[in-house]
Amino acid sequence: MFTRTESFREFIRFYPVVSTIIAIHFLLYIFTTLPLFPNFWFKATFSGVNLYIREGEYWRLVTPIFMHGGFTHALFNSFSLVLFGPALERLLGKGKFVLVYLVSGILANVATLMLEPLTYVHVGSSGAIFGLFGYYISIILFRKHLLSQQNSQIILFICALSLIMTFLQPNINITAHIFGLAGGFLLGAIFYTKKRD
């Protein structure tokens, strides 16, 4: 389930949403790096800056989900998406996967706005990716049969490890990780509870 055996073309065909998100990650990285583009403009316009959001630049609740602080940051988050996104995209369908991903990321950014200082600046898709973890946990609790015991254990282990690392690594948006995870879980809980009823 979390082992990728597809060719590059097959991956794009089978998982168009995950592929598109990863492409956006690296396009925006290129736009903020290569001197051919107005690098500073992209960074200044699309980063999450709490002060500017308070002043009405509400697009900054969405755009930081696709921005990253450097190549390693973009690569790590994209790799996490390659591992854990495809199975959920196939399970939920394209529309619902986009909903879970974006709503989790936006909730993470809203929580960052509410709980962090006005001077706080943030970028990265980790809040949305933690939302995928949260959704997987809702599956484990409410729809066990959709995941094997081995895959459930993998998800719980990776999620626990990622949460621990959240508090150990510097320059991590702890608020976004926690609220992204909670947002994804709540979306799954709402969906599966309604479906059961």
N, C-alpha and C. Protein backbone atom coordinates (compact mmCIF):
# COMPACT_ATOMS: atom_id res chain seq x y z
N MET A 1 0.82 -1.21 0.00
CA MET A 1 0.00 0.00 0.00
C MET A 1 0.86 1.26 0.00
N PHE A 2 1.95 1.24 0.76
CA PHE A 2 2.82 2.41 0.83
C PHE A 2 4.13 2.18 0.10
N THR A 3 4.23 1.09 -0.65
CA THR A 3 5.40 0.81 -1.46
C THR A 3 5.08 1.18 -2.90
N ARG A 4 5.88 2.00 -3.51
CA ARG A 4 5.62 2.48 -4.86
C ARG A 4 6.33 1.58 -5.86
N THR A 5 5.57 0.98 -6.76
CA THR A 5 6.13 0.11 -7.80
C THR A 5 5.81 0.63 -9.20
N GLU A 6 5.05 1.74 -9.28
CA GLU A 6 4.65 2.25 -10.58
C GLU A 6 5.82 2.95 -11.27
N SER A 7 5.76 3.00 -12.60
CA SER A 7 6.69 3.84 -13.34
C SER A 7 6.27 5.30 -13.15
N PHE A 8 7.12 6.22 -13.60
CA PHE A 8 6.81 7.65 -13.46
C PHE A 8 5.50 7.98 -14.18
N ARG A 9 5.33 7.49 -15.39
CA ARG A 9 4.11 7.76 -16.15
C ARG A 9 2.88 7.15 -15.49
N GLU A 10 3.04 5.93 -14.98
CA GLU A 10 1.92 5.28 -14.31
C GLU A 10 1.52 6.05 -13.05
N PHE A 11 2.52 6.52 -12.31
CA PHE A 11 2.23 7.27 -11.09
C PHE A 11 1.39 8.50 -11.41
N ILE A 12 1.78 9.24 -12.44
CA ILE A 12 1.04 10.45 -12.82
C ILE A 12 -0.38 10.10 -13.25
N ARG A 13 -0.53 9.00 -13.98
CA ARG A 13 -1.85 8.60 -14.47
C ARG A 13 -2.75 8.11 -13.34
N PHE A 14 -2.19 7.33 -12.42
CA PHE A 14 -2.98 6.75 -11.34
C PHE A 14 -3.31 7.78 -10.24
N TYR A 15 -2.38 8.71 -9.99
CA TYR A 15 -2.52 9.64 -8.87
C TYR A 15 -2.36 11.09 -9.35
N PRO A 16 -3.29 11.60 -10.13
CA PRO A 16 -3.13 12.93 -10.72
C PRO A 16 -3.09 14.06 -9.70
N VAL A 17 -3.84 13.93 -8.60
CA VAL A 17 -3.86 15.01 -7.61
C VAL A 17 -2.52 15.09 -6.88
N VAL A 18 -2.04 13.96 -6.40
CA VAL A 18 -0.74 13.94 -5.72
C VAL A 18 0.35 14.45 -6.67
N SER A 19 0.31 14.01 -7.91
CA SER A 19 1.31 14.44 -8.90
C SER A 19 1.25 15.95 -9.12
N THR A 20 0.05 16.50 -9.20
CA THR A 20 -0.11 17.94 -9.42
C THR A 20 0.42 18.74 -8.23
N ILE A 21 0.11 18.28 -7.02
CA ILE A 21 0.58 18.99 -5.82
C ILE A 21 2.11 19.01 -5.78
N ILE A 22 2.73 17.87 -6.08
CA ILE A 22 4.19 17.80 -6.07
C ILE A 22 4.78 18.70 -7.14
N ALA A 23 4.14 18.73 -8.32
CA ALA A 23 4.61 19.61 -9.39
C ALA A 23 4.55 21.07 -8.95
N ILE A 24 3.47 21.45 -8.26
CA ILE A 24 3.34 22.83 -7.76
C ILE A 24 4.44 23.13 -6.75
N HIS A 25 4.74 22.17 -5.86
CA HIS A 25 5.83 22.35 -4.90
C HIS A 25 7.11 22.79 -5.60
N PHE A 26 7.48 22.03 -6.63
CA PHE A 26 8.79 22.27 -7.25
C PHE A 26 8.76 23.45 -8.23
N LEU A 27 7.60 23.72 -8.83
CA LEU A 27 7.48 24.92 -9.66
C LEU A 27 7.67 26.17 -8.81
N LEU A 28 7.00 26.21 -7.66
CA LEU A 28 7.14 27.37 -6.78
C LEU A 28 8.56 27.47 -6.23
N TYR A 29 9.19 26.32 -5.97
CA TYR A 29 10.59 26.35 -5.53
C TYR A 29 11.47 26.97 -6.61
N ILE A 30 11.24 26.57 -7.86
CA ILE A 30 12.02 27.13 -8.97
C ILE A 30 11.77 28.62 -9.10
N PHE A 31 10.49 29.03 -8.97
CA PHE A 31 10.15 30.44 -9.09
C PHE A 31 10.83 31.29 -8.01
N THR A 32 11.07 30.68 -6.85
CA THR A 32 11.70 31.43 -5.75
C THR A 32 13.21 31.29 -5.74
N THR A 33 13.76 30.54 -6.71
CA THR A 33 15.21 30.28 -6.70
C THR A 33 15.92 30.80 -7.95
N LEU A 34 15.40 30.46 -9.13
CA LEU A 34 16.08 30.86 -10.36
C LEU A 34 15.97 32.37 -10.57
N PRO A 35 17.05 33.00 -10.97
CA PRO A 35 17.04 34.47 -11.15
C PRO A 35 16.20 34.93 -12.34
N LEU A 36 15.69 33.98 -13.13
CA LEU A 36 14.82 34.35 -14.25
C LEU A 36 13.49 34.92 -13.77
N PHE A 37 13.12 34.58 -12.54
CA PHE A 37 11.82 34.97 -12.00
C PHE A 37 12.00 36.00 -10.87
N PRO A 38 10.94 36.74 -10.58
CA PRO A 38 11.01 37.70 -9.44
C PRO A 38 10.93 36.94 -8.11
N ASN A 39 12.06 36.37 -7.70
CA ASN A 39 12.11 35.47 -6.54
C ASN A 39 11.50 36.09 -5.29
N PHE A 40 11.92 37.32 -4.99
CA PHE A 40 11.45 37.95 -3.75
C PHE A 40 9.94 38.15 -3.79
N TRP A 41 9.40 38.49 -4.97
CA TRP A 41 7.95 38.72 -5.08
C TRP A 41 7.17 37.46 -4.71
N PHE A 42 7.61 36.30 -5.22
CA PHE A 42 6.92 35.05 -4.90
C PHE A 42 6.97 34.78 -3.40
N LYS A 43 8.13 34.92 -2.82
CA LYS A 43 8.27 34.66 -1.38
C LYS A 43 7.43 35.65 -0.56
N ALA A 44 7.49 36.91 -0.93
CA ALA A 44 6.80 37.93 -0.16
C ALA A 44 5.29 37.85 -0.31
N THR A 45 4.83 37.36 -1.47
CA THR A 45 3.40 37.35 -1.76
C THR A 45 2.69 36.09 -1.28
N PHE A 46 3.38 34.95 -1.32
CA PHE A 46 2.72 33.67 -1.05
C PHE A 46 3.04 33.07 0.30
N SER A 47 4.01 33.58 1.02
CA SER A 47 4.32 33.05 2.36
C SER A 47 3.22 33.40 3.34
N GLY A 48 3.11 32.60 4.39
CA GLY A 48 2.14 32.90 5.44
C GLY A 48 2.74 33.90 6.41
N VAL A 49 2.20 35.10 6.44
CA VAL A 49 2.65 36.14 7.36
C VAL A 49 1.42 36.56 8.17
N ASN A 50 1.42 36.26 9.44
CA ASN A 50 0.22 36.48 10.25
C ASN A 50 -0.26 37.93 10.21
N LEU A 51 0.67 38.87 10.24
CA LEU A 51 0.29 40.27 10.22
C LEU A 51 -0.48 40.63 8.96
N TYR A 52 0.00 40.15 7.82
CA TYR A 52 -0.65 40.47 6.55
C TYR A 52 -2.00 39.77 6.42
N ILE A 53 -2.11 38.57 6.98
CA ILE A 53 -3.40 37.88 6.96
C ILE A 53 -4.41 38.68 7.78
N ARG A 54 -3.98 39.17 8.94
CA ARG A 54 -4.86 39.99 9.78
C ARG A 54 -5.32 41.25 9.04
N GLU A 55 -4.48 41.72 8.13
CA GLU A 55 -4.80 42.94 7.38
C GLU A 55 -5.65 42.65 6.14
N GLY A 56 -6.03 41.37 5.95
CA GLY A 56 -6.95 41.05 4.86
C GLY A 56 -6.38 40.24 3.72
N GLU A 57 -5.12 39.84 3.77
CA GLU A 57 -4.53 39.04 2.69
C GLU A 57 -4.80 37.55 2.96
N TYR A 58 -6.07 37.19 2.80
CA TYR A 58 -6.52 35.86 3.23
C TYR A 58 -6.02 34.72 2.34
N TRP A 59 -5.53 35.04 1.14
CA TRP A 59 -4.96 33.98 0.31
C TRP A 59 -3.76 33.32 0.98
N ARG A 60 -3.17 34.04 1.93
CA ARG A 60 -2.01 33.49 2.63
C ARG A 60 -2.38 32.35 3.58
N LEU A 61 -3.66 32.08 3.75
CA LEU A 61 -4.08 30.88 4.48
C LEU A 61 -3.98 29.64 3.60
N VAL A 62 -3.89 29.84 2.28
CA VAL A 62 -3.83 28.72 1.32
C VAL A 62 -2.45 28.57 0.70
N THR A 63 -1.88 29.66 0.20
CA THR A 63 -0.64 29.56 -0.57
C THR A 63 0.55 28.97 0.19
N PRO A 64 0.69 29.18 1.51
CA PRO A 64 1.83 28.56 2.19
C PRO A 64 1.82 27.03 2.14
N ILE A 65 0.65 26.43 1.90
CA ILE A 65 0.57 24.98 1.82
C ILE A 65 1.46 24.45 0.69
N PHE A 66 1.70 25.28 -0.32
CA PHE A 66 2.45 24.84 -1.50
C PHE A 66 3.86 25.43 -1.56
N MET A 67 4.16 26.35 -0.65
CA MET A 67 5.48 26.99 -0.62
C MET A 67 6.40 26.25 0.35
N HIS A 68 7.71 26.32 0.09
CA HIS A 68 8.68 25.68 0.98
C HIS A 68 9.90 26.57 1.16
N GLY A 69 10.61 26.32 2.25
CA GLY A 69 11.74 27.16 2.61
C GLY A 69 13.03 26.81 1.90
N GLY A 70 13.05 25.77 1.10
CA GLY A 70 14.24 25.36 0.39
C GLY A 70 14.02 24.02 -0.28
N PHE A 71 15.04 23.56 -1.02
CA PHE A 71 14.90 22.32 -1.77
C PHE A 71 14.67 21.12 -0.85
N THR A 72 15.44 21.04 0.24
CA THR A 72 15.30 19.91 1.16
C THR A 72 13.91 19.87 1.77
N HIS A 73 13.39 21.03 2.14
CA HIS A 73 12.04 21.13 2.70
C HIS A 73 11.00 20.63 1.70
N ALA A 74 11.08 21.10 0.45
CA ALA A 74 10.15 20.69 -0.60
C ALA A 74 10.28 19.20 -0.90
N LEU A 75 11.53 18.71 -0.92
CA LEU A 75 11.77 17.30 -1.24
C LEU A 75 11.21 16.39 -0.15
N PHE A 76 11.44 16.73 1.11
CA PHE A 76 10.98 15.89 2.21
C PHE A 76 9.46 15.81 2.25
N ASN A 77 8.79 16.97 2.11
CA ASN A 77 7.33 16.96 2.13
C ASN A 77 6.75 16.26 0.91
N SER A 78 7.38 16.44 -0.24
CA SER A 78 6.91 15.77 -1.45
C SER A 78 7.10 14.26 -1.34
N PHE A 79 8.21 13.84 -0.74
CA PHE A 79 8.45 12.41 -0.54
C PHE A 79 7.40 11.81 0.40
N SER A 80 7.05 12.54 1.44
CA SER A 80 5.99 12.08 2.35
C SER A 80 4.67 11.95 1.61
N LEU A 81 4.41 12.89 0.71
CA LEU A 81 3.17 12.85 -0.07
C LEU A 81 3.18 11.68 -1.04
N VAL A 82 4.33 11.38 -1.63
CA VAL A 82 4.44 10.22 -2.53
C VAL A 82 4.16 8.93 -1.79
N LEU A 83 4.61 8.84 -0.54
CA LEU A 83 4.41 7.62 0.24
C LEU A 83 2.97 7.45 0.71
N PHE A 84 2.38 8.52 1.24
CA PHE A 84 1.10 8.37 1.94
C PHE A 84 -0.11 8.96 1.21
N GLY A 85 0.15 9.73 0.16
CA GLY A 85 -0.97 10.31 -0.58
C GLY A 85 -1.69 9.38 -1.54
N PRO A 86 -0.96 8.57 -2.34
CA PRO A 86 -1.63 7.78 -3.37
C PRO A 86 -2.73 6.86 -2.87
N ALA A 87 -2.50 6.12 -1.80
CA ALA A 87 -3.52 5.19 -1.30
C ALA A 87 -4.78 5.94 -0.90
N LEU A 88 -4.61 7.11 -0.31
CA LEU A 88 -5.77 7.88 0.12
C LEU A 88 -6.48 8.53 -1.07
N GLU A 89 -5.71 8.93 -2.07
CA GLU A 89 -6.34 9.47 -3.28
C GLU A 89 -7.20 8.42 -3.97
N ARG A 90 -6.71 7.18 -4.04
CA ARG A 90 -7.50 6.11 -4.66
C ARG A 90 -8.71 5.76 -3.82
N LEU A 91 -8.56 5.80 -2.50
CA LEU A 91 -9.65 5.44 -1.60
C LEU A 91 -10.76 6.50 -1.61
N LEU A 92 -10.37 7.77 -1.57
CA LEU A 92 -11.34 8.86 -1.45
C LEU A 92 -11.85 9.37 -2.79
N GLY A 93 -11.05 9.23 -3.82
CA GLY A 93 -11.36 9.89 -5.08
C GLY A 93 -10.69 11.26 -5.12
N LYS A 94 -10.56 11.82 -6.31
CA LYS A 94 -9.81 13.07 -6.47
C LYS A 94 -10.41 14.23 -5.69
N GLY A 95 -11.72 14.42 -5.82
CA GLY A 95 -12.36 15.57 -5.19
C GLY A 95 -12.27 15.55 -3.68
N LYS A 96 -12.56 14.41 -3.09
CA LYS A 96 -12.55 14.31 -1.63
C LYS A 96 -11.12 14.39 -1.09
N PHE A 97 -10.16 13.85 -1.84
CA PHE A 97 -8.76 13.94 -1.42
C PHE A 97 -8.32 15.41 -1.38
N VAL A 98 -8.66 16.17 -2.43
CA VAL A 98 -8.33 17.59 -2.47
C VAL A 98 -8.96 18.30 -1.28
N LEU A 99 -10.22 17.96 -0.98
CA LEU A 99 -10.93 18.57 0.15
C LEU A 99 -10.18 18.32 1.46
N VAL A 100 -9.83 17.06 1.72
CA VAL A 100 -9.13 16.71 2.96
C VAL A 100 -7.79 17.43 3.04
N TYR A 101 -7.06 17.43 1.94
CA TYR A 101 -5.72 18.03 1.93
C TYR A 101 -5.79 19.53 2.18
N LEU A 102 -6.66 20.22 1.43
CA LEU A 102 -6.74 21.67 1.54
C LEU A 102 -7.35 22.12 2.87
N VAL A 103 -8.43 21.46 3.29
CA VAL A 103 -9.07 21.86 4.54
C VAL A 103 -8.11 21.65 5.72
N SER A 104 -7.39 20.53 5.72
CA SER A 104 -6.41 20.29 6.79
C SER A 104 -5.34 21.36 6.80
N GLY A 105 -4.82 21.68 5.62
CA GLY A 105 -3.78 22.70 5.53
C GLY A 105 -4.28 24.07 5.94
N ILE A 106 -5.50 24.42 5.52
CA ILE A 106 -6.06 25.73 5.88
C ILE A 106 -6.33 25.81 7.38
N LEU A 107 -6.87 24.73 7.96
CA LEU A 107 -7.09 24.72 9.41
C LEU A 107 -5.77 24.89 10.17
N ALA A 108 -4.72 24.24 9.67
CA ALA A 108 -3.40 24.37 10.28
C ALA A 108 -2.94 25.83 10.23
N ASN A 109 -3.19 26.50 9.10
CA ASN A 109 -2.76 27.88 8.95
C ASN A 109 -3.64 28.85 9.76
N VAL A 110 -4.93 28.54 9.87
CA VAL A 110 -5.80 29.36 10.72
C VAL A 110 -5.37 29.26 12.18
N ALA A 111 -5.05 28.04 12.61
CA ALA A 111 -4.58 27.85 13.99
C ALA A 111 -3.27 28.60 14.21
N THR A 112 -2.39 28.59 13.21
CA THR A 112 -1.13 29.34 13.30
C THR A 112 -1.41 30.83 13.43
N LEU A 113 -2.39 31.31 12.68
CA LEU A 113 -2.78 32.72 12.76
C LEU A 113 -3.30 33.06 14.16
N MET A 114 -4.09 32.17 14.73
CA MET A 114 -4.72 32.45 16.01
C MET A 114 -3.76 32.32 17.20
N LEU A 115 -2.81 31.42 17.09
CA LEU A 115 -2.00 31.07 18.26
C LEU A 115 -0.55 31.59 18.22
N GLU A 116 -0.09 31.96 17.04
CA GLU A 116 1.30 32.43 16.94
C GLU A 116 1.32 33.96 16.84
N PRO A 117 2.47 34.59 17.09
CA PRO A 117 2.55 36.07 17.05
C PRO A 117 2.27 36.63 15.66
N LEU A 118 1.93 37.91 15.60
CA LEU A 118 1.67 38.57 14.32
C LEU A 118 2.89 38.56 13.42
N THR A 119 4.08 38.51 13.99
CA THR A 119 5.32 38.52 13.20
C THR A 119 5.68 37.14 12.66
N TYR A 120 4.89 36.12 12.99
CA TYR A 120 5.22 34.75 12.61
C TYR A 120 5.08 34.57 11.10
N VAL A 121 6.09 33.96 10.48
CA VAL A 121 6.09 33.68 9.05
C VAL A 121 6.24 32.17 8.86
N HIS A 122 5.44 31.59 7.97
CA HIS A 122 5.47 30.14 7.82
C HIS A 122 5.20 29.72 6.38
N VAL A 123 5.83 28.62 5.97
CA VAL A 123 5.58 27.98 4.68
C VAL A 123 5.68 26.48 4.88
N GLY A 124 5.09 25.72 3.96
CA GLY A 124 5.24 24.27 4.00
C GLY A 124 3.91 23.53 4.00
N SER A 125 3.95 22.34 3.44
CA SER A 125 2.74 21.52 3.30
C SER A 125 2.56 20.52 4.44
N SER A 126 3.40 20.62 5.47
CA SER A 126 3.36 19.59 6.52
C SER A 126 2.03 19.58 7.28
N GLY A 127 1.38 20.74 7.44
CA GLY A 127 0.07 20.75 8.09
C GLY A 127 -0.94 19.93 7.32
N ALA A 128 -0.93 20.06 5.98
CA ALA A 128 -1.83 19.28 5.13
C ALA A 128 -1.46 17.81 5.15
N ILE A 129 -0.16 17.51 5.15
CA ILE A 129 0.28 16.11 5.19
C ILE A 129 -0.10 15.46 6.53
N PHE A 130 0.03 16.21 7.61
CA PHE A 130 -0.44 15.69 8.90
C PHE A 130 -1.94 15.47 8.86
N GLY A 131 -2.66 16.27 8.06
CA GLY A 131 -4.08 16.04 7.87
C GLY A 131 -4.36 14.68 7.25
N LEU A 132 -3.49 14.25 6.33
CA LEU A 132 -3.65 12.91 5.75
C LEU A 132 -3.44 11.85 6.83
N PHE A 133 -2.44 12.05 7.69
CA PHE A 133 -2.23 11.12 8.80
C PHE A 133 -3.48 11.06 9.68
N GLY A 134 -4.03 12.24 9.98
CA GLY A 134 -5.23 12.29 10.81
C GLY A 134 -6.38 11.54 10.17
N TYR A 135 -6.51 11.66 8.85
CA TYR A 135 -7.60 10.96 8.16
C TYR A 135 -7.37 9.45 8.22
N TYR A 136 -6.12 9.03 8.04
CA TYR A 136 -5.81 7.60 8.17
C TYR A 136 -6.19 7.07 9.57
N ILE A 137 -5.92 7.87 10.59
CA ILE A 137 -6.26 7.45 11.96
C ILE A 137 -7.76 7.30 12.12
N SER A 138 -8.53 8.18 11.47
CA SER A 138 -9.99 8.04 11.53
C SER A 138 -10.44 6.74 10.85
N ILE A 139 -9.74 6.36 9.79
CA ILE A 139 -10.05 5.09 9.13
C ILE A 139 -9.77 3.92 10.08
N ILE A 140 -8.62 3.99 10.76
CA ILE A 140 -8.25 2.93 11.69
C ILE A 140 -9.29 2.79 12.81
N LEU A 141 -9.84 3.92 13.26
CA LEU A 141 -10.81 3.87 14.35
C LEU A 141 -12.22 3.52 13.89
N PHE A 142 -12.62 4.01 12.72
CA PHE A 142 -14.02 3.87 12.31
C PHE A 142 -14.26 2.89 11.15
N ARG A 143 -13.21 2.58 10.39
CA ARG A 143 -13.35 1.67 9.24
C ARG A 143 -12.13 0.75 9.15
N LYS A 144 -11.91 -0.04 10.18
CA LYS A 144 -10.71 -0.87 10.27
C LYS A 144 -10.49 -1.75 9.05
N HIS A 145 -11.58 -2.22 8.47
CA HIS A 145 -11.48 -3.18 7.36
C HIS A 145 -10.85 -2.57 6.11
N LEU A 146 -10.75 -1.23 6.04
CA LEU A 146 -10.18 -0.60 4.86
C LEU A 146 -8.65 -0.65 4.84
N LEU A 147 -8.05 -0.93 5.99
CA LEU A 147 -6.60 -1.03 6.09
C LEU A 147 -6.22 -2.35 6.74
N SER A 148 -5.14 -2.95 6.25
CA SER A 148 -4.64 -4.15 6.90
C SER A 148 -4.03 -3.77 8.24
N GLN A 149 -3.86 -4.76 9.11
CA GLN A 149 -3.27 -4.50 10.42
C GLN A 149 -1.84 -3.96 10.27
N GLN A 150 -1.11 -4.52 9.30
CA GLN A 150 0.27 -4.06 9.07
C GLN A 150 0.31 -2.60 8.64
N ASN A 151 -0.57 -2.22 7.71
CA ASN A 151 -0.60 -0.83 7.25
C ASN A 151 -1.06 0.12 8.35
N SER A 152 -2.01 -0.34 9.17
CA SER A 152 -2.45 0.47 10.31
C SER A 152 -1.30 0.72 11.28
N GLN A 153 -0.51 -0.31 11.53
CA GLN A 153 0.63 -0.16 12.43
C GLN A 153 1.68 0.79 11.85
N ILE A 154 1.89 0.71 10.53
CA ILE A 154 2.84 1.61 9.88
C ILE A 154 2.40 3.06 10.05
N ILE A 155 1.11 3.31 9.78
CA ILE A 155 0.58 4.67 9.90
C ILE A 155 0.73 5.19 11.32
N LEU A 156 0.34 4.38 12.30
CA LEU A 156 0.41 4.83 13.70
C LEU A 156 1.85 5.08 14.12
N PHE A 157 2.76 4.23 13.68
CA PHE A 157 4.18 4.40 14.03
C PHE A 157 4.75 5.67 13.41
N ILE A 158 4.49 5.87 12.10
CA ILE A 158 5.00 7.06 11.41
C ILE A 158 4.40 8.33 12.00
N CYS A 159 3.12 8.28 12.31
CA CYS A 159 2.44 9.44 12.89
C CYS A 159 3.04 9.78 14.26
N ALA A 160 3.22 8.77 15.10
CA ALA A 160 3.81 8.99 16.42
C ALA A 160 5.23 9.53 16.31
N LEU A 161 6.02 8.94 15.40
CA LEU A 161 7.39 9.40 15.20
C LEU A 161 7.43 10.84 14.70
N SER A 162 6.54 11.16 13.76
CA SER A 162 6.49 12.51 13.21
C SER A 162 6.09 13.52 14.28
N LEU A 163 5.16 13.15 15.16
CA LEU A 163 4.77 14.05 16.24
C LEU A 163 5.92 14.28 17.21
N ILE A 164 6.65 13.22 17.52
CA ILE A 164 7.80 13.36 18.42
C ILE A 164 8.84 14.29 17.80
N MET A 165 9.13 14.08 16.50
CA MET A 165 10.12 14.90 15.81
C MET A 165 9.67 16.36 15.71
N THR A 166 8.36 16.57 15.69
CA THR A 166 7.82 17.93 15.65
C THR A 166 8.34 18.75 16.83
N PHE A 167 8.45 18.12 17.99
CA PHE A 167 8.86 18.84 19.20
C PHE A 167 10.38 18.84 19.39
N LEU A 168 11.09 18.05 18.61
CA LEU A 168 12.54 17.95 18.78
C LEU A 168 13.33 18.77 17.77
N GLN A 169 12.75 18.99 16.59
CA GLN A 169 13.47 19.71 15.54
C GLN A 169 13.24 21.21 15.65
N PRO A 170 14.25 22.00 15.28
CA PRO A 170 14.08 23.46 15.31
C PRO A 170 13.29 23.95 14.10
N ASN A 171 12.75 25.15 14.20
CA ASN A 171 12.06 25.82 13.09
C ASN A 171 10.89 25.02 12.53
N ILE A 172 10.16 24.35 13.41
CA ILE A 172 8.98 23.59 13.01
C ILE A 172 7.73 24.32 13.48
N ASN A 173 6.74 24.39 12.62
CA ASN A 173 5.46 25.00 13.00
C ASN A 173 4.65 23.94 13.75
N ILE A 174 4.87 23.86 15.05
CA ILE A 174 4.22 22.84 15.88
C ILE A 174 2.70 22.98 15.81
N THR A 175 2.22 24.20 15.84
CA THR A 175 0.78 24.46 15.79
C THR A 175 0.16 23.87 14.54
N ALA A 176 0.82 24.07 13.39
CA ALA A 176 0.30 23.56 12.12
C ALA A 176 0.25 22.03 12.11
N HIS A 177 1.28 21.40 12.63
CA HIS A 177 1.31 19.93 12.66
C HIS A 177 0.16 19.39 13.50
N ILE A 178 -0.02 19.93 14.68
CA ILE A 178 -1.04 19.42 15.59
C ILE A 178 -2.44 19.66 15.04
N PHE A 179 -2.69 20.87 14.56
CA PHE A 179 -4.03 21.19 14.08
C PHE A 179 -4.31 20.60 12.70
N GLY A 180 -3.29 20.39 11.89
CA GLY A 180 -3.47 19.67 10.64
C GLY A 180 -3.90 18.24 10.90
N LEU A 181 -3.21 17.60 11.85
CA LEU A 181 -3.56 16.23 12.24
C LEU A 181 -4.99 16.16 12.77
N ALA A 182 -5.34 17.09 13.64
CA ALA A 182 -6.69 17.12 14.21
C ALA A 182 -7.74 17.38 13.14
N GLY A 183 -7.42 18.28 12.19
CA GLY A 183 -8.36 18.59 11.12
C GLY A 183 -8.65 17.39 10.24
N GLY A 184 -7.60 16.68 9.84
CA GLY A 184 -7.78 15.49 9.02
C GLY A 184 -8.57 14.42 9.74
N PHE A 185 -8.28 14.25 11.03
CA PHE A 185 -9.02 13.26 11.81
C PHE A 185 -10.50 13.62 11.92
N LEU A 186 -10.80 14.88 12.19
CA LEU A 186 -12.19 15.31 12.32
C LEU A 186 -12.96 15.15 11.01
N LEU A 187 -12.31 15.46 9.89
CA LEU A 187 -12.96 15.27 8.59
C LEU A 187 -13.32 13.80 8.39
N GLY A 188 -12.38 12.92 8.70
CA GLY A 188 -12.64 11.49 8.57
C GLY A 188 -13.73 11.03 9.52
N ALA A 189 -13.69 11.52 10.75
CA ALA A 189 -14.70 11.13 11.74
C ALA A 189 -16.08 11.58 11.30
N ILE A 190 -16.19 12.81 10.79
CA ILE A 190 -17.48 13.31 10.32
C ILE A 190 -17.98 12.47 9.15
N PHE A 191 -17.11 12.22 8.20
CA PHE A 191 -17.51 11.47 7.01
C PHE A 191 -17.96 10.05 7.36
N TYR A 192 -17.16 9.35 8.16
CA TYR A 192 -17.47 7.95 8.45
C TYR A 192 -18.62 7.80 9.43
N THR A 193 -18.78 8.78 10.32
CA THR A 193 -19.94 8.72 11.23
C THR A 193 -21.23 8.93 10.45
N LYS A 194 -21.24 9.91 9.56
CA LYS A 194 -22.43 10.15 8.73
C LYS A 194 -22.73 8.96 7.85
N LYS A 195 -21.69 8.37 7.29
CA LYS A 195 -21.87 7.23 6.39
C LYS A 195 -22.45 6.04 7.16
N ARG A 196 -21.99 5.87 8.38
CA ARG A 196 -22.50 4.77 9.20
C ARG A 196 -23.97 4.98 9.51
N ASP A 197 -24.34 6.25 9.86
CA ASP A 197 -25.75 6.53 10.16
C ASP A 197 -26.63 6.32 8.94
